[in-house]
Every structure is written in structure tokens, then in C-alpha cells.
Amino acid sequence: MDRLRRLHHQPSPPLRSRRPQKGDVNGDELEDPGRSQARQALGRSRGGLTTKVHLAVDGRGLPLSIVLTPGNVNDATAFGQVLDGIRTPRLGTVRPRTTPDRVLGDKAYSSRAIRHLLRRRGIAATIPERRDQAANRHRRGALGGRPPAFDKVTYRDRNVVERCFARLKQFRAIVTRFDKLGDRYRAGVVLASLILWLRESTG
């Protein structure tokens, strides 16, 4: 009995010699499921686990920048990443173009932070003001300031991004996510986007 007790209390082998088990992080910790899902661009919403694809497109509706987030993440939070991802090659120079002339976005992108970011980068914005923002501005009177500039005619061109999403949804692996890893799913979106570019150039 005494011998069994001593064997039971012997120290276990060091962690570096222990084989990692399924679900281990750094060999000895279990990763939080929610954090793991977020890392793979998965978020729980009404439809279950979903992924959002955020796009920046040109005037022809061709993707310029692609960012994935969990489906329960607000659209505006990915705006900076999408903007930073724009890299358009230019003839006669090595450096690509990273600053568009104008950004068209729906009311989800109507925030003070986004408008300030665009002004700081010298980018014109065509983003409608949300109803609650307009009401708050009117309630404050003169302190509310002037409404942001908005051109309804220019805003009509925003539908090109919706048409781009419609074209991407023609690919089964995009409209329904089968990939467990976010990087693999994003690679599929990039591949589908390249196909759209090739169709445009050869059409």
C-alpha cells in the first residue's frame, strides 16, 4: 500500500514530452470555444454559426478588398480593415494605389469615426445619415452642427457591391460555407473574385 502511494505521487513527465491532446492550446490549456470560433470568422446569430464577408469593389463591381468577420459583428467595425486592404496596381509606378476617390456605403457605415477617418485620408464620402443621428442632431439645435453632405444621385451607384455579392453567391462554396478554417474559406472567396476579374477582362 505504501509503495502504491509513492508511485501515485510521482511527478508527471514534463509538458514538452507530453503529446498534445485534441483541443489543447500550447499543450496544456483548453481554448475557449467562443474565441476559437471568432478566430475562424464564425459567430452565432439567428441562423446559427455564420460568417460575414466585407467587400470593397470598384465601379464595375469587382472586388478590391476582402475581410471576413464573425456573422454577429457589426459591419462598421471592419471598415478600416477593408479600406486598408485596397491595393490597386498603377501603370508606370511600383507603389499601388491605396486611396479611392470616393467611398459609397449604406447607413451601417454612418458613424463619426468612419467619417473622420475618410476626411483624414482625403476621401470623399457618400453615406446616408441614420435616422437616429439626424434626430439627435435636430434635438441639439445649433450645437448639432450641419448634416453631412450626401448626393442621392451618386449613391445610386452603390448597388454595384450588391451585384458583386449576387455574383459571388453563384459559387456554392461561397454562399454556403463548408470550410472549418477561416483562411480556407477566405481563399475560396479570393479565388471566386479572381474568376470575376478574369471574366470581366475576357468578356
Protein backbone atom coordinates (compact mmCIF):
# COMPACT_ATOMS: atom_id res chain seq x y z
CA MET A 1 0.00 0.00 0.00
CA ASP A 2 2.80 2.38 0.89
CA ARG A 3 4.58 1.56 -2.37
CA LEU A 4 1.44 2.26 -4.39
CA ARG A 5 1.04 5.63 -2.68
CA ARG A 6 4.59 6.63 -3.56
CA LEU A 7 4.07 5.66 -7.19
CA HIS A 8 0.84 7.63 -7.33
CA HIS A 9 2.55 10.80 -6.11
CA GLN A 10 5.45 10.62 -8.52
CA PRO A 11 5.68 13.79 -10.66
CA SER A 12 4.23 13.53 -14.16
CA PRO A 13 6.50 13.83 -17.21
CA PRO A 14 7.35 17.39 -18.28
CA LEU A 15 4.86 19.07 -20.62
CA ARG A 16 7.30 19.20 -23.51
CA SER A 17 7.37 15.40 -23.65
CA ARG A 18 3.59 15.08 -23.45
CA ARG A 19 1.74 14.52 -26.68
CA PRO A 20 -0.71 17.36 -27.38
CA GLN A 21 -4.30 16.29 -26.96
CA LYS A 22 -7.26 17.32 -29.09
CA GLY A 23 -8.40 20.79 -28.09
CA ASP A 24 -5.13 21.66 -26.33
CA VAL A 25 -3.57 25.10 -26.68
CA ASN A 26 0.17 25.29 -26.01
CA GLY A 27 -0.01 21.70 -24.87
CA ASP A 28 -1.87 22.15 -21.59
CA GLU A 29 -4.73 24.66 -21.87
CA LEU A 30 -8.14 24.29 -23.46
CA GLU A 31 -9.08 27.12 -25.80
CA ASP A 32 -12.35 28.93 -25.18
CA PRO A 33 -14.84 27.74 -27.86
CA GLY A 34 -16.13 31.26 -28.47
CA ARG A 35 -12.62 32.60 -29.01
CA SER A 36 -11.80 29.73 -31.35
CA GLN A 37 -14.92 30.40 -33.43
CA ALA A 38 -14.17 34.13 -33.63
CA ARG A 39 -10.64 33.33 -34.79
CA GLN A 40 -12.14 31.32 -37.65
CA ALA A 41 -14.60 34.13 -38.53
CA LEU A 42 -17.58 32.29 -37.06
CA GLY A 43 -20.23 33.98 -34.94
CA ARG A 44 -23.57 32.83 -33.59
CA SER A 45 -26.58 34.71 -34.93
CA ARG A 46 -30.21 33.85 -35.66
CA GLY A 47 -29.19 31.43 -38.39
CA GLY A 48 -26.64 29.64 -36.20
CA LEU A 49 -22.90 29.94 -36.84
CA THR A 50 -22.39 32.44 -39.67
CA THR A 51 -19.63 34.42 -41.37
CA LYS A 52 -19.75 37.93 -42.83
CA VAL A 53 -17.86 38.81 -45.98
CA HIS A 54 -16.96 42.50 -46.18
CA LEU A 55 -16.02 43.82 -49.62
CA ALA A 56 -14.69 46.93 -51.28
CA VAL A 57 -15.43 46.95 -55.01
CA ASP A 58 -14.62 49.25 -57.90
CA GLY A 59 -17.11 50.97 -60.18
CA ARG A 60 -17.60 47.76 -62.16
CA GLY A 61 -18.44 45.74 -59.07
CA LEU A 62 -15.14 43.84 -58.97
CA PRO A 63 -13.66 43.05 -55.54
CA LEU A 64 -10.68 45.10 -54.38
CA SER A 65 -10.51 44.09 -50.72
CA ILE A 66 -11.92 41.14 -48.76
CA VAL A 67 -12.29 40.85 -44.99
CA LEU A 68 -14.04 38.11 -43.01
CA THR A 69 -15.61 38.57 -39.58
CA PRO A 70 -17.98 36.50 -37.43
CA GLY A 71 -21.59 36.89 -38.50
CA ASN A 72 -22.59 38.68 -35.31
CA VAL A 73 -20.05 41.51 -35.76
CA ASN A 74 -21.24 44.98 -36.74
CA ASP A 75 -20.37 45.95 -40.31
CA ALA A 76 -18.75 49.23 -39.31
CA THR A 77 -16.07 47.52 -37.21
CA ALA A 78 -14.44 46.05 -40.32
CA PHE A 79 -14.47 49.29 -42.32
CA GLY A 80 -10.86 50.24 -41.55
CA GLN A 81 -9.57 46.77 -42.42
CA VAL A 82 -11.44 46.76 -45.72
CA LEU A 83 -10.11 50.22 -46.59
CA ASP A 84 -6.55 49.24 -45.68
CA GLY A 85 -6.80 46.16 -47.89
CA ILE A 86 -7.25 48.12 -51.12
CA ARG A 87 -4.20 47.74 -53.37
CA THR A 88 -4.77 48.74 -56.99
CA PRO A 89 -1.76 48.43 -59.35
CA ARG A 90 -0.86 51.53 -61.35
CA LEU A 91 0.99 51.74 -64.64
CA GLY A 92 4.42 53.31 -64.53
CA THR A 93 4.89 53.08 -60.78
CA VAL A 94 5.78 50.39 -58.28
CA ARG A 95 3.52 51.55 -55.48
CA PRO A 96 -0.14 50.52 -55.81
CA ARG A 97 -2.97 52.93 -55.25
CA THR A 98 -4.46 52.59 -51.77
CA THR A 99 -6.77 55.61 -51.56
CA PRO A 100 -10.03 55.69 -53.54
CA ASP A 101 -11.52 58.98 -54.69
CA ARG A 102 -14.85 58.30 -53.01
CA VAL A 103 -16.46 55.72 -50.74
CA LEU A 104 -20.14 54.81 -51.06
CA GLY A 105 -21.63 52.99 -48.09
CA ASP A 106 -25.03 52.33 -46.58
CA LYS A 107 -26.32 53.58 -43.22
CA ALA A 108 -24.41 50.88 -41.34
CA TYR A 109 -21.25 52.91 -42.00
CA SER A 110 -22.70 56.23 -40.85
CA SER A 111 -20.55 56.92 -37.82
CA ARG A 112 -18.44 59.84 -36.67
CA ALA A 113 -15.32 57.66 -36.55
CA ILE A 114 -15.69 56.48 -40.15
CA ARG A 115 -16.40 59.96 -41.49
CA HIS A 116 -13.40 61.32 -39.60
CA LEU A 117 -11.19 58.54 -41.00
CA LEU A 118 -12.26 59.34 -44.56
CA ARG A 119 -11.73 63.08 -44.10
CA ARG A 120 -8.28 62.47 -42.66
CA ARG A 121 -7.32 60.42 -45.72
CA GLY A 122 -8.83 62.89 -48.16
CA ILE A 123 -11.56 60.51 -49.36
CA ALA A 124 -15.00 61.83 -50.25
CA ALA A 125 -17.89 60.03 -48.57
CA THR A 126 -21.39 59.30 -49.83
CA ILE A 127 -23.02 57.72 -46.80
CA PRO A 128 -26.62 58.44 -45.75
CA GLU A 129 -27.21 59.65 -42.21
CA ARG A 130 -29.08 57.29 -39.91
CA ARG A 131 -32.47 58.41 -38.65
CA ASP A 132 -31.41 58.39 -35.00
CA GLN A 133 -28.35 60.51 -35.81
CA ALA A 134 -30.47 63.07 -37.65
CA ALA A 135 -32.96 63.19 -34.76
CA ASN A 136 -30.17 63.71 -32.25
CA ARG A 137 -28.68 66.49 -34.36
CA HIS A 138 -32.04 68.27 -34.62
CA ARG A 139 -32.62 67.90 -30.90
CA ARG A 140 -29.35 69.66 -30.12
CA GLY A 141 -30.24 72.58 -32.37
CA ALA A 142 -27.32 74.79 -33.40
CA LEU A 143 -24.94 72.62 -31.37
CA GLY A 144 -25.84 69.63 -33.50
CA GLY A 145 -23.98 71.04 -36.47
CA ARG A 146 -24.77 70.69 -40.14
CA PRO A 147 -25.86 67.41 -41.73
CA PRO A 148 -23.15 65.51 -43.61
CA ALA A 149 -23.05 66.07 -47.36
CA PHE A 150 -24.98 63.43 -49.25
CA ASP A 151 -25.61 63.09 -53.00
CA LYS A 152 -28.59 60.87 -53.78
CA VAL A 153 -27.64 60.56 -57.45
CA THR A 154 -24.12 59.37 -56.65
CA TYR A 155 -25.49 56.98 -54.03
CA ARG A 156 -27.36 55.05 -56.71
CA ASP A 157 -24.04 53.60 -57.84
CA ARG A 158 -23.70 51.76 -54.52
CA ASN A 159 -25.71 48.88 -55.95
CA VAL A 160 -22.55 47.60 -57.67
CA VAL A 161 -21.47 46.00 -54.39
CA GLU A 162 -24.83 44.23 -54.12
CA ARG A 163 -24.40 42.94 -57.66
CA CYS A 164 -20.94 41.70 -56.73
CA PHE A 165 -22.35 39.75 -53.79
CA ALA A 166 -25.00 38.28 -56.09
CA ARG A 167 -22.30 37.10 -58.49
CA LEU A 168 -20.22 35.60 -55.68
CA LYS A 169 -23.26 33.72 -54.41
CA GLN A 170 -23.31 31.80 -57.67
CA PHE A 171 -20.40 29.82 -56.23
CA ARG A 172 -21.79 27.13 -53.95
CA ALA A 173 -18.76 27.08 -51.65
CA ILE A 174 -19.20 30.81 -51.03
CA VAL A 175 -22.93 31.03 -50.40
CA THR A 176 -22.70 28.00 -48.06
CA ARG A 177 -19.55 27.74 -46.00
CA PHE A 178 -18.17 24.21 -45.85
CA ASP A 179 -14.65 25.11 -44.68
CA LYS A 180 -13.89 24.86 -40.99
CA LEU A 181 -10.90 27.22 -41.13
CA GLY A 182 -11.43 30.90 -41.87
CA ASP A 183 -8.28 31.14 -44.02
CA ARG A 184 -9.53 28.41 -46.32
CA TYR A 185 -12.93 30.00 -46.70
CA ARG A 186 -11.34 33.37 -47.45
CA ALA A 187 -9.12 31.68 -50.04
CA GLY A 188 -12.29 30.45 -51.73
CA VAL A 189 -13.72 33.98 -51.77
CA VAL A 190 -10.46 35.29 -53.24
CA LEU A 191 -10.50 32.58 -55.92
CA ALA A 192 -14.10 33.38 -56.84
CA SER A 193 -13.16 37.08 -57.02
CA LEU A 194 -10.29 36.29 -59.38
CA ILE A 195 -12.71 34.41 -61.61
CA LEU A 196 -14.93 37.50 -61.72
CA TRP A 197 -11.93 39.61 -62.72
CA LEU A 198 -10.96 37.12 -65.45
CA ARG A 199 -14.49 37.04 -66.82
CA GLU A 200 -14.52 40.83 -66.96
CA SER A 201 -11.17 41.04 -68.76
CA THR A 202 -12.03 38.37 -71.33
CA GLY A 203 -15.70 39.21 -71.78
